[in-house]
Amino acid sequence: MIKKYRKKPIVIAALQFVDNVEELEAFVGEELYGNMNGAGKVQELIIPTLEGEMTATKGDFIIKGIRGEFYPCKPEIFNETYDEVI
């Protein structure tokens, strides 16, 4: 029998990747590597996750999970899944 489940309401910390590599490095706690565009701006970042390295592109959110792990999330998924806590 198939059951239905609801995601537990948890509060997470997240930063959106714009032009803030230093802020993201402080958040993640280590130097991040990325790919630059022709203008010398970082367009992609390599994020260490529990499953290995994942690529975050500009606009993605970097989420700190409940066990202190990090992972990227596309903005449309992030906005459908999370509401800002004030």
Protein backbone atom coordinates (compact mmCIF):
# COMPACT_ATOMS: atom_id res chain seq x y z
CA MET A 1 0.00 0.00 0.00
CA ILE A 2 1.36 3.42 -0.98
CA LYS A 3 1.40 5.96 1.84
CA LYS A 4 1.64 9.74 1.70
CA TYR A 5 4.20 11.73 3.68
CA ARG A 6 4.65 15.41 4.53
CA LYS A 7 8.09 16.98 4.78
CA LYS A 8 8.88 17.95 8.37
CA PRO A 9 8.99 21.70 8.91
CA ILE A 10 12.60 22.59 9.57
CA VAL A 11 14.46 25.88 9.38
CA ILE A 12 17.53 25.87 7.14
CA ALA A 13 20.22 28.44 6.41
CA ALA A 14 20.82 29.37 2.78
CA LEU A 15 22.59 31.95 0.62
CA GLN A 16 21.87 32.71 -3.01
CA PHE A 17 24.88 32.61 -5.34
CA VAL A 18 25.17 35.99 -7.03
CA ASP A 19 28.52 37.82 -6.96
CA ASN A 20 29.31 36.80 -3.36
CA VAL A 21 31.97 34.08 -3.52
CA GLU A 22 33.73 35.27 -0.33
CA GLU A 23 30.45 35.25 1.60
CA LEU A 24 29.67 31.74 0.33
CA GLU A 25 33.15 30.53 1.30
CA ALA A 26 32.63 31.88 4.82
CA PHE A 27 29.22 30.16 4.93
CA VAL A 28 30.53 26.80 3.69
CA GLY A 29 33.75 27.10 5.70
CA GLU A 30 36.21 26.32 2.94
CA GLU A 31 37.59 27.65 -0.31
CA LEU A 32 35.28 27.00 -3.23
CA TYR A 33 36.38 26.43 -6.81
CA GLY A 34 34.57 27.71 -9.84
CA ASN A 35 34.51 28.51 -13.51
CA MET A 36 34.75 32.10 -14.69
CA ASN A 37 33.21 33.81 -17.68
CA GLY A 38 35.14 36.03 -20.11
CA ALA A 39 34.70 39.06 -17.82
CA GLY A 40 36.47 37.31 -14.91
CA LYS A 41 33.26 36.75 -12.92
CA VAL A 42 32.60 33.36 -11.33
CA GLN A 43 29.67 31.70 -13.15
CA GLU A 44 29.76 28.26 -11.50
CA LEU A 45 30.93 27.02 -8.11
CA ILE A 46 31.87 23.51 -7.07
CA ILE A 47 30.07 22.71 -3.80
CA PRO A 48 31.26 19.80 -1.63
CA THR A 49 28.23 17.68 -0.67
CA LEU A 50 27.68 14.37 1.10
CA GLU A 51 27.26 12.78 -2.34
CA GLY A 52 30.43 14.35 -3.78
CA GLU A 53 31.02 17.60 -5.60
CA MET A 54 28.06 19.36 -7.21
CA THR A 55 28.02 22.41 -9.47
CA ALA A 56 26.06 25.52 -8.52
CA THR A 57 25.32 28.12 -11.18
CA LYS A 58 24.52 31.80 -10.68
CA GLY A 59 21.15 32.21 -9.01
CA ASP A 60 21.24 28.83 -7.24
CA PHE A 61 20.79 28.73 -3.49
CA ILE A 62 23.42 27.03 -1.35
CA ILE A 63 21.64 25.29 1.50
CA LYS A 64 23.08 24.14 4.82
CA GLY A 65 21.21 20.99 5.79
CA ILE A 66 20.24 19.80 9.25
CA ARG A 67 23.47 17.80 9.65
CA GLY A 68 25.71 20.67 8.55
CA GLU A 69 25.98 19.43 4.97
CA PHE A 70 25.82 21.80 1.99
CA TYR A 71 24.17 21.40 -1.37
CA PRO A 72 22.97 23.62 -4.24
CA CYS A 73 19.31 24.09 -5.10
CA LYS A 74 17.79 25.68 -8.21
CA PRO A 75 15.85 28.88 -7.41
CA GLU A 76 12.50 27.60 -8.73
CA ILE A 77 12.69 24.50 -6.49
CA PHE A 78 13.93 26.58 -3.54
CA ASN A 79 11.06 29.06 -3.89
CA GLU A 80 8.48 26.26 -4.10
CA THR A 81 9.92 24.48 -1.07
CA TYR A 82 10.97 27.22 1.36
CA ASP A 83 9.45 30.37 2.84
CA GLU A 84 11.68 33.01 4.42
CA VAL A 85 11.60 33.03 8.22
CA ILE A 86 11.53 36.54 9.65
